[in-house]
Amino acid sequence: MVLTGNKCDLEDDRVVTRDQGNALAQQWGNCTFLETSARKKINVDEVFFDLVRQINRSMPEKVKKNMCIYIYISMIIVFFFSIFRCLIR
């Protein structure tokens, strides 16, 4: 699991502090906490990659081999989505 705080680029409008986000992530089983901003492209890809890493760690080796192609396809889709997102701005 990844706990994500969005709109981290709007520091003046912050409602939840980083410390509060980290504390909640600790309460939820020491999950990852990342602050993101789609507008400034901060940690958007990192959230996805962290989730993929967590999925890979939790899968048995036999399942990983069968699922490997789906993960690579997902990563390619995210890569092209990131490029597309940059082009439309």
PDB file of N, CA and C in Angstrom:
ATOM      1  N   MET A   1       0.851  -1.171   0.000  1.00  0.00           N
ATOM      2  CA  MET A   1       0.000   0.000   0.000  1.00  0.00           C
ATOM      3  C   MET A   1       0.900   1.239   0.000  1.00  0.00           C
ATOM      4  N   VAL A   2       0.449   2.265  -0.692  1.00  0.00           N
ATOM      5  CA  VAL A   2       1.136   3.551  -0.701  1.00  0.00           C
ATOM      6  C   VAL A   2       0.132   4.624  -0.298  1.00  0.00           C
ATOM      7  N   LEU A   3       0.436   5.335   0.760  1.00  0.00           N
ATOM      8  CA  LEU A   3      -0.385   6.468   1.176  1.00  0.00           C
ATOM      9  C   LEU A   3       0.129   7.685   0.426  1.00  0.00           C
ATOM     10  N   THR A   4      -0.763   8.345  -0.293  1.00  0.00           N
ATOM     11  CA  THR A   4      -0.359   9.443  -1.161  1.00  0.00           C
ATOM     12  C   THR A   4      -1.050  10.737  -0.747  1.00  0.00           C
ATOM     13  N   GLY A   5      -0.245  11.759  -0.517  1.00  0.00           N
ATOM     14  CA  GLY A   5      -0.778  13.095  -0.271  1.00  0.00           C
ATOM     15  C   GLY A   5      -0.653  13.881  -1.566  1.00  0.00           C
ATOM     16  N   ASN A   6      -1.756  14.360  -2.086  1.00  0.00           N
ATOM     17  CA  ASN A   6      -1.706  15.038  -3.386  1.00  0.00           C
ATOM     18  C   ASN A   6      -1.599  16.560  -3.235  1.00  0.00           C
ATOM     19  N   LYS A   7      -1.310  17.204  -4.340  1.00  0.00           N
ATOM     20  CA  LYS A   7      -1.195  18.665  -4.438  1.00  0.00           C
ATOM     21  C   LYS A   7      -0.112  19.230  -3.513  1.00  0.00           C
ATOM     22  N   CYS A   8       1.023  18.540  -3.439  1.00  0.00           N
ATOM     23  CA  CYS A   8       2.091  19.000  -2.547  1.00  0.00           C
ATOM     24  C   CYS A   8       2.710  20.304  -3.029  1.00  0.00           C
ATOM     25  N   ASP A   9       2.403  20.723  -4.250  1.00  0.00           N
ATOM     26  CA  ASP A   9       2.914  21.988  -4.758  1.00  0.00           C
ATOM     27  C   ASP A   9       2.157  23.192  -4.179  1.00  0.00           C
ATOM     28  N   LEU A  10       1.027  22.954  -3.560  1.00  0.00           N
ATOM     29  CA  LEU A  10       0.222  24.034  -2.971  1.00  0.00           C
ATOM     30  C   LEU A  10       0.514  24.138  -1.477  1.00  0.00           C
ATOM     31  N   GLU A  11       1.749  24.469  -1.162  1.00  0.00           N
ATOM     32  CA  GLU A  11       2.220  24.487   0.226  1.00  0.00           C
ATOM     33  C   GLU A  11       1.403  25.433   1.110  1.00  0.00           C
ATOM     34  N   ASP A  12       0.959  26.560   0.575  1.00  0.00           N
ATOM     35  CA  ASP A  12       0.190  27.524   1.373  1.00  0.00           C
ATOM     36  C   ASP A  12      -1.204  27.016   1.730  1.00  0.00           C
ATOM     37  N   ASP A  13      -1.709  26.057   0.955  1.00  0.00           N
ATOM     38  CA  ASP A  13      -3.046  25.516   1.197  1.00  0.00           C
ATOM     39  C   ASP A  13      -3.013  24.181   1.938  1.00  0.00           C
ATOM     40  N   ARG A  14      -1.868  23.833   2.469  1.00  0.00           N
ATOM     41  CA  ARG A  14      -1.683  22.534   3.117  1.00  0.00           C
ATOM     42  C   ARG A  14      -2.641  22.369   4.289  1.00  0.00           C
ATOM     43  N   VAL A  15      -3.259  21.175   4.366  1.00  0.00           N
ATOM     44  CA  VAL A  15      -4.153  20.836   5.468  1.00  0.00           C
ATOM     45  C   VAL A  15      -3.510  19.771   6.350  1.00  0.00           C
ATOM     46  N   VAL A  16      -2.781  18.829   5.736  1.00  0.00           N
ATOM     47  CA  VAL A  16      -2.134  17.736   6.450  1.00  0.00           C
ATOM     48  C   VAL A  16      -0.617  17.919   6.332  1.00  0.00           C
ATOM     49  N   THR A  17       0.070  17.883   7.450  1.00  0.00           N
ATOM     50  CA  THR A  17       1.523  18.038   7.429  1.00  0.00           C
ATOM     51  C   THR A  17       2.196  16.741   6.976  1.00  0.00           C
ATOM     52  N   ARG A  18       3.452  16.860   6.570  1.00  0.00           N
ATOM     53  CA  ARG A  18       4.229  15.661   6.204  1.00  0.00           C
ATOM     54  C   ARG A  18       4.332  14.715   7.393  1.00  0.00           C
ATOM     55  N   ASP A  19       4.537  15.292   8.571  1.00  0.00           N
ATOM     56  CA  ASP A  19       4.642  14.458   9.773  1.00  0.00           C
ATOM     57  C   ASP A  19       3.356  13.682  10.031  1.00  0.00           C
ATOM     58  N   GLN A  20       2.208  14.325   9.804  1.00  0.00           N
ATOM     59  CA  GLN A  20       0.930  13.625   9.972  1.00  0.00           C
ATOM     60  C   GLN A  20       0.793  12.495   8.947  1.00  0.00           C
ATOM     61  N   GLY A  21       1.201  12.754   7.706  1.00  0.00           N
ATOM     62  CA  GLY A  21       1.153  11.718   6.672  1.00  0.00           C
ATOM     63  C   GLY A  21       2.056  10.550   7.011  1.00  0.00           C
ATOM     64  N   ASN A  22       3.277  10.851   7.452  1.00  0.00           N
ATOM     65  CA  ASN A  22       4.203   9.788   7.854  1.00  0.00           C
ATOM     66  C   ASN A  22       3.676   9.002   9.046  1.00  0.00           C
ATOM     67  N   ALA A  23       3.075   9.695  10.010  1.00  0.00           N
ATOM     68  CA  ALA A  23       2.527   9.014  11.191  1.00  0.00           C
ATOM     69  C   ALA A  23       1.388   8.083  10.792  1.00  0.00           C
ATOM     70  N   LEU A  24       0.519   8.527   9.899  1.00  0.00           N
ATOM     71  CA  LEU A  24      -0.584   7.681   9.450  1.00  0.00           C
ATOM     72  C   LEU A  24      -0.058   6.467   8.684  1.00  0.00           C
ATOM     73  N   ALA A  25       0.957   6.676   7.873  1.00  0.00           N
ATOM     74  CA  ALA A  25       1.564   5.554   7.143  1.00  0.00           C
ATOM     75  C   ALA A  25       2.147   4.537   8.125  1.00  0.00           C
ATOM     76  N   GLN A  26       2.743   5.012   9.223  1.00  0.00           N
ATOM     77  CA  GLN A  26       3.263   4.106  10.246  1.00  0.00           C
ATOM     78  C   GLN A  26       2.130   3.324  10.910  1.00  0.00           C
ATOM     79  N   GLN A  27       1.014   4.011  11.196  1.00  0.00           N
ATOM     80  CA  GLN A  27      -0.145   3.357  11.810  1.00  0.00           C
ATOM     81  C   GLN A  27      -0.719   2.282  10.896  1.00  0.00           C
ATOM     82  N   TRP A  28      -0.674   2.507   9.613  1.00  0.00           N
ATOM     83  CA  TRP A  28      -1.249   1.569   8.644  1.00  0.00           C
ATOM     84  C   TRP A  28      -0.262   0.471   8.253  1.00  0.00           C
ATOM     85  N   GLY A  29       0.619   0.131   9.134  1.00  0.00           N
ATOM     86  CA  GLY A  29       1.509  -0.991   8.879  1.00  0.00           C
ATOM     87  C   GLY A  29       2.807  -0.599   8.217  1.00  0.00           C
ATOM     88  N   ASN A  30       3.288   0.597   8.530  1.00  0.00           N
ATOM     89  CA  ASN A  30       4.568   1.061   7.985  1.00  0.00           C
ATOM     90  C   ASN A  30       4.562   1.078   6.453  1.00  0.00           C
ATOM     91  N   CYS A  31       3.467   1.557   5.865  1.00  0.00           N
ATOM     92  CA  CYS A  31       3.394   1.641   4.401  1.00  0.00           C
ATOM     93  C   CYS A  31       4.157   2.882   3.914  1.00  0.00           C
ATOM     94  N   THR A  32       4.377   2.931   2.634  1.00  0.00           N
ATOM     95  CA  THR A  32       5.078   4.052   2.021  1.00  0.00           C
ATOM     96  C   THR A  32       4.191   5.299   2.045  1.00  0.00           C
ATOM     97  N   PHE A  33       4.777   6.449   2.327  1.00  0.00           N
ATOM     98  CA  PHE A  33       4.065   7.725   2.227  1.00  0.00           C
ATOM     99  C   PHE A  33       4.807   8.610   1.242  1.00  0.00           C
ATOM    100  N   LEU A  34       4.100   9.066   0.214  1.00  0.00           N
ATOM    101  CA  LEU A  34       4.674   9.973  -0.779  1.00  0.00           C
ATOM    102  C   LEU A  34       3.725  11.133  -1.014  1.00  0.00           C
ATOM    103  N   GLU A  35       4.280  12.319  -1.093  1.00  0.00           N
ATOM    104  CA  GLU A  35       3.492  13.485  -1.472  1.00  0.00           C
ATOM    105  C   GLU A  35       3.665  13.690  -2.972  1.00  0.00           C
ATOM    106  N   THR A  36       2.566  14.002  -3.652  1.00  0.00           N
ATOM    107  CA  THR A  36       2.596  14.100  -5.105  1.00  0.00           C
ATOM    108  C   THR A  36       2.023  15.419  -5.601  1.00  0.00           C
ATOM    109  N   SER A  37       2.399  15.734  -6.830  1.00  0.00           N
ATOM    110  CA  SER A  37       1.795  16.851  -7.557  1.00  0.00           C
ATOM    111  C   SER A  37       1.766  16.464  -9.029  1.00  0.00           C
ATOM    112  N   ALA A  38       0.577  16.307  -9.557  1.00  0.00           N
ATOM    113  CA  ALA A  38       0.462  15.988 -10.987  1.00  0.00           C
ATOM    114  C   ALA A  38       0.894  17.190 -11.818  1.00  0.00           C
ATOM    115  N   ARG A  39       0.572  18.378 -11.346  1.00  0.00           N
ATOM    116  CA  ARG A  39       0.900  19.581 -12.109  1.00  0.00           C
ATOM    117  C   ARG A  39       2.412  19.764 -12.268  1.00  0.00           C
ATOM    118  N   LYS A  40       3.148  19.510 -11.198  1.00  0.00           N
ATOM    119  CA  LYS A  40       4.604  19.683 -11.253  1.00  0.00           C
ATOM    120  C   LYS A  40       5.346  18.357 -11.447  1.00  0.00           C
ATOM    121  N   LYS A  41       4.577  17.297 -11.658  1.00  0.00           N
ATOM    122  CA  LYS A  41       5.144  15.966 -11.921  1.00  0.00           C
ATOM    123  C   LYS A  41       6.078  15.504 -10.798  1.00  0.00           C
ATOM    124  N   ILE A  42       5.617  15.643  -9.578  1.00  0.00           N
ATOM    125  CA  ILE A  42       6.393  15.239  -8.406  1.00  0.00           C
ATOM    126  C   ILE A  42       5.861  13.903  -7.891  1.00  0.00           C
ATOM    127  N   ASN A  43       6.709  12.893  -7.874  1.00  0.00           N
ATOM    128  CA  ASN A  43       6.423  11.564  -7.305  1.00  0.00           C
ATOM    129  C   ASN A  43       5.261  10.813  -7.944  1.00  0.00           C
ATOM    130  N   VAL A  44       4.774  11.247  -9.088  1.00  0.00           N
ATOM    131  CA  VAL A  44       3.653  10.556  -9.733  1.00  0.00           C
ATOM    132  C   VAL A  44       4.095   9.170 -10.187  1.00  0.00           C
ATOM    133  N   ASP A  45       5.196   9.096 -10.897  1.00  0.00           N
ATOM    134  CA  ASP A  45       5.694   7.794 -11.357  1.00  0.00           C
ATOM    135  C   ASP A  45       6.191   6.954 -10.189  1.00  0.00           C
ATOM    136  N   GLU A  46       6.771   7.591  -9.175  1.00  0.00           N
ATOM    137  CA  GLU A  46       7.309   6.862  -8.041  1.00  0.00           C
ATOM    138  C   GLU A  46       6.228   6.069  -7.310  1.00  0.00           C
ATOM    139  N   VAL A  47       5.017   6.629  -7.210  1.00  0.00           N
ATOM    140  CA  VAL A  47       3.907   5.914  -6.572  1.00  0.00           C
ATOM    141  C   VAL A  47       3.638   4.612  -7.324  1.00  0.00           C
ATOM    142  N   PHE A  48       3.550   4.702  -8.635  1.00  0.00           N
ATOM    143  CA  PHE A  48       3.291   3.505  -9.443  1.00  0.00           C
ATOM    144  C   PHE A  48       4.418   2.491  -9.285  1.00  0.00           C
ATOM    145  N   PHE A  49       5.655   2.958  -9.404  1.00  0.00           N
ATOM    146  CA  PHE A  49       6.795   2.037  -9.327  1.00  0.00           C
ATOM    147  C   PHE A  49       6.890   1.376  -7.949  1.00  0.00           C
ATOM    148  N   ASP A  50       6.589   2.122  -6.898  1.00  0.00           N
ATOM    149  CA  ASP A  50       6.616   1.538  -5.558  1.00  0.00           C
ATOM    150  C   ASP A  50       5.567   0.438  -5.428  1.00  0.00           C
ATOM    151  N   LEU A  51       4.376   0.681  -5.978  1.00  0.00           N
ATOM    152  CA  LEU A  51       3.332  -0.344  -5.940  1.00  0.00           C
ATOM    153  C   LEU A  51       3.756  -1.598  -6.703  1.00  0.00           C
ATOM    154  N   VAL A  52       4.367  -1.402  -7.862  1.00  0.00           N
ATOM    155  CA  VAL A  52       4.838  -2.555  -8.649  1.00  0.00           C
ATOM    156  C   VAL A  52       5.888  -3.330  -7.861  1.00  0.00           C
ATOM    157  N   ARG A  53       6.818  -2.629  -7.210  1.00  0.00           N
ATOM    158  CA  ARG A  53       7.836  -3.303  -6.393  1.00  0.00           C
ATOM    159  C   ARG A  53       7.188  -4.099  -5.265  1.00  0.00           C
ATOM    160  N   GLN A  54       6.190  -3.516  -4.613  1.00  0.00           N
ATOM    161  CA  GLN A  54       5.516  -4.214  -3.521  1.00  0.00           C
ATOM    162  C   GLN A  54       4.798  -5.458  -4.024  1.00  0.00           C
ATOM    163  N   ILE A  55       4.149  -5.343  -5.180  1.00  0.00           N
ATOM    164  CA  ILE A  55       3.469  -6.502  -5.764  1.00  0.00           C
ATOM    165  C   ILE A  55       4.483  -7.590  -6.089  1.00  0.00           C
ATOM    166  N   ASN A  56       5.601  -7.207  -6.678  1.00  0.00           N
ATOM    167  CA  ASN A  56       6.637  -8.185  -7.026  1.00  0.00           C
ATOM    168  C   ASN A  56       7.172  -8.898  -5.788  1.00  0.00           C
ATOM    169  N   ARG A  57       7.394  -8.165  -4.699  1.00  0.00           N
ATOM    170  CA  ARG A  57       7.916  -8.780  -3.477  1.00  0.00           C
ATOM    171  C   ARG A  57       6.929  -9.758  -2.857  1.00  0.00           C
ATOM    172  N   SER A  58       5.635  -9.492  -3.014  1.00  0.00           N
ATOM    173  CA  SER A  58       4.633 -10.319  -2.343  1.00  0.00           C
ATOM    174  C   SER A  58       4.232 -11.554  -3.151  1.00  0.00           C
ATOM    175  N   MET A  59       4.604 -11.616  -4.415  1.00  0.00           N
ATOM    176  CA  MET A  59       4.205 -12.751  -5.262  1.00  0.00           C
ATOM    177  C   MET A  59       5.189 -13.906  -5.155  1.00  0.00           C
ATOM    178  N   PRO A  60       4.663 -15.129  -5.177  1.00  0.00           N
ATOM    179  CA  PRO A  60       5.563 -16.284  -5.279  1.00  0.00           C
ATOM    180  C   PRO A  60       6.308 -16.253  -6.615  1.00  0.00           C
ATOM    181  N   GLU A  61       7.492 -16.857  -6.648  1.00  0.00           N
ATOM    182  CA  GLU A  61       8.345 -16.809  -7.839  1.00  0.00           C
ATOM    183  C   GLU A  61       7.640 -17.360  -9.078  1.00  0.00           C
ATOM    184  N   LYS A  62       6.889 -18.420  -8.933  1.00  0.00           N
ATOM    185  CA  LYS A  62       6.193 -19.029 -10.081  1.00  0.00           C
ATOM    186  C   LYS A  62       5.171 -18.061 -10.679  1.00  0.00           C
ATOM    187  N   VAL A  63       4.452 -17.376  -9.818  1.00  0.00           N
ATOM    188  CA  VAL A  63       3.450 -16.413 -10.287  1.00  0.00           C
ATOM    189  C   VAL A  63       4.139 -15.223 -10.948  1.00  0.00           C
ATOM    190  N   LYS A  64       5.287 -14.788 -10.384  1.00  0.00           N
ATOM    191  CA  LYS A  64       6.023 -13.666 -10.956  1.00  0.00           C
ATOM    192  C   LYS A  64       6.389 -13.923 -12.405  1.00  0.00           C
ATOM    193  N   LYS A  65       6.853 -15.125 -12.687  1.00  0.00           N
ATOM    194  CA  LYS A  65       7.261 -15.437 -14.053  1.00  0.00           C
ATOM    195  C   LYS A  65       6.082 -15.319 -15.012  1.00  0.00           C
ATOM    196  N   ASN A  66       4.912 -15.772 -14.571  1.00  0.00           N
ATOM    197  CA  ASN A  66       3.728 -15.691 -15.425  1.00  0.00           C
ATOM    198  C   ASN A  66       3.186 -14.271 -15.541  1.00  0.00           C
ATOM    199  N   MET A  67       3.349 -13.477 -14.488  1.00  0.00           N
ATOM    200  CA  MET A  67       2.798 -12.123 -14.476  1.00  0.00           C
ATOM    201  C   MET A  67       3.771 -11.073 -15.008  1.00  0.00           C
ATOM    202  N   CYS A  68       4.994 -11.454 -15.229  1.00  0.00           N
ATOM    203  CA  CYS A  68       6.030 -10.512 -15.624  1.00  0.00           C
ATOM    204  C   CYS A  68       5.621  -9.704 -16.852  1.00  0.00           C
ATOM    205  N   ILE A  69       5.064 -10.351 -17.841  1.00  0.00           N
ATOM    206  CA  ILE A  69       4.673  -9.659 -19.080  1.00  0.00           C
ATOM    207  C   ILE A  69       3.625  -8.589 -18.794  1.00  0.00           C
ATOM    208  N   TYR A  70       2.685  -8.853 -17.888  1.00  0.00           N
ATOM    209  CA  TYR A  70       1.647  -7.874 -17.574  1.00  0.00           C
ATOM    210  C   TYR A  70       2.226  -6.651 -16.867  1.00  0.00           C
ATOM    211  N   ILE A  71       3.203  -6.874 -16.024  1.00  0.00           N
ATOM    212  CA  ILE A  71       3.844  -5.753 -15.336  1.00  0.00           C
ATOM    213  C   ILE A  71       4.601  -4.883 -16.332  1.00  0.00           C
ATOM    214  N   TYR A  72       5.335  -5.522 -17.245  1.00  0.00           N
ATOM    215  CA  TYR A  72       6.063  -4.739 -18.249  1.00  0.00           C
ATOM    216  C   TYR A  72       5.103  -3.954 -19.137  1.00  0.00           C
ATOM    217  N   ILE A  73       4.007  -4.559 -19.504  1.00  0.00           N
ATOM    218  CA  ILE A  73       3.012  -3.847 -20.319  1.00  0.00           C
ATOM    219  C   ILE A  73       2.474  -2.648 -19.543  1.00  0.00           C
ATOM    220  N   SER A  74       2.196  -2.834 -18.255  1.00  0.00           N
ATOM    221  CA  SER A  74       1.703  -1.724 -17.428  1.00  0.00           C
ATOM    222  C   SER A  74       2.720  -0.604 -17.353  1.00  0.00           C
ATOM    223  N   MET A  75       3.990  -0.960 -17.209  1.00  0.00           N
ATOM    224  CA  MET A  75       5.032   0.060 -17.137  1.00  0.00           C
ATOM    225  C   MET A  75       5.148   0.814 -18.459  1.00  0.00           C
ATOM    226  N   ILE A  76       5.003   0.113 -19.563  1.00  0.00           N
ATOM    227  CA  ILE A  76       5.041   0.766 -20.875  1.00  0.00           C
ATOM    228  C   ILE A  76       3.869   1.725 -21.018  1.00  0.00           C
ATOM    229  N   ILE A  77       2.704   1.307 -20.574  1.00  0.00           N
ATOM    230  CA  ILE A  77       1.518   2.173 -20.643  1.00  0.00           C
ATOM    231  C   ILE A  77       1.755   3.434 -19.816  1.00  0.00           C
ATOM    232  N   VAL A  78       2.292   3.295 -18.613  1.00  0.00           N
ATOM    233  CA  VAL A  78       2.565   4.463 -17.774  1.00  0.00           C
ATOM    234  C   VAL A  78       3.595   5.371 -18.432  1.00  0.00           C
ATOM    235  N   PHE A  79       4.620   4.768 -19.038  1.00  0.00           N
ATOM    236  CA  PHE A  79       5.643   5.549 -19.718  1.00  0.00           C
ATOM    237  C   PHE A  79       5.021   6.390 -20.839  1.00  0.00           C
ATOM    238  N   PHE A  80       4.200   5.765 -21.672  1.00  0.00           N
ATOM    239  CA  PHE A  80       3.586   6.505 -22.769  1.00  0.00           C
ATOM    240  C   PHE A  80       2.576   7.531 -22.259  1.00  0.00           C
ATOM    241  N   PHE A  81       1.884   7.202 -21.167  1.00  0.00           N
ATOM    242  CA  PHE A  81       0.968   8.162 -20.571  1.00  0.00           C
ATOM    243  C   PHE A  81       1.740   9.384 -20.081  1.00  0.00           C
ATOM    244  N   SER A  82       2.910   9.154 -19.488  1.00  0.00           N
ATOM    245  CA  SER A  82       3.735  10.271 -19.005  1.00  0.00           C
ATOM    246  C   SER A  82       4.185  11.158 -20.163  1.00  0.00           C
ATOM    247  N   ILE A  83       4.580  10.543 -21.260  1.00  0.00           N
ATOM    248  CA  ILE A  83       4.992  11.312 -22.435  1.00  0.00           C
ATOM    249  C   ILE A  83       3.812  12.109 -22.979  1.00  0.00           C
ATOM    250  N   PHE A  84       2.663  11.456 -23.090  1.00  0.00           N
ATOM    251  CA  PHE A  84       1.463  12.128 -23.584  1.00  0.00           C
ATOM    252  C   PHE A  84       1.107  13.299 -22.690  1.00  0.00           C
ATOM    253  N   ARG A  85       1.180  13.091 -21.377  1.00  0.00           N
ATOM    254  CA  ARG A  85       0.848  14.143 -20.425  1.00  0.00           C
ATOM    255  C   ARG A  85       1.771  15.344 -20.613  1.00  0.00           C
ATOM    256  N   CYS A  86       3.037  15.094 -20.903  1.00  0.00           N
ATOM    257  CA  CYS A  86       3.991  16.198 -21.132  1.00  0.00           C
ATOM    258  C   CYS A  86       3.680  16.929 -22.448  1.00  0.00           C
ATOM    259  N   LEU A  87       3.240  16.194 -23.435  1.00  0.00           N
ATOM    260  CA  LEU A  87       2.978  16.804 -24.740  1.00  0.00           C
ATOM    261  C   LEU A  87       1.750  17.703 -24.743  1.00  0.00           C
ATOM    262  N   ILE A  88       0.758  17.369 -23.920  1.00  0.00           N
ATOM    263  CA  ILE A  88      -0.468  18.181 -23.944  1.00  0.00           C
ATOM    264  C   ILE A  88      -0.360  19.426 -23.074  1.00  0.00           C
ATOM    265  N   ARG A  89       0.719  19.576 -22.353  1.00  0.00           N
ATOM    266  CA  ARG A  89       0.888  20.768 -21.497  1.00  0.00           C
ATOM    267  C   ARG A  89       1.586  21.854 -22.239  1.00  0.00           C
TER     268      ARG A  89
END
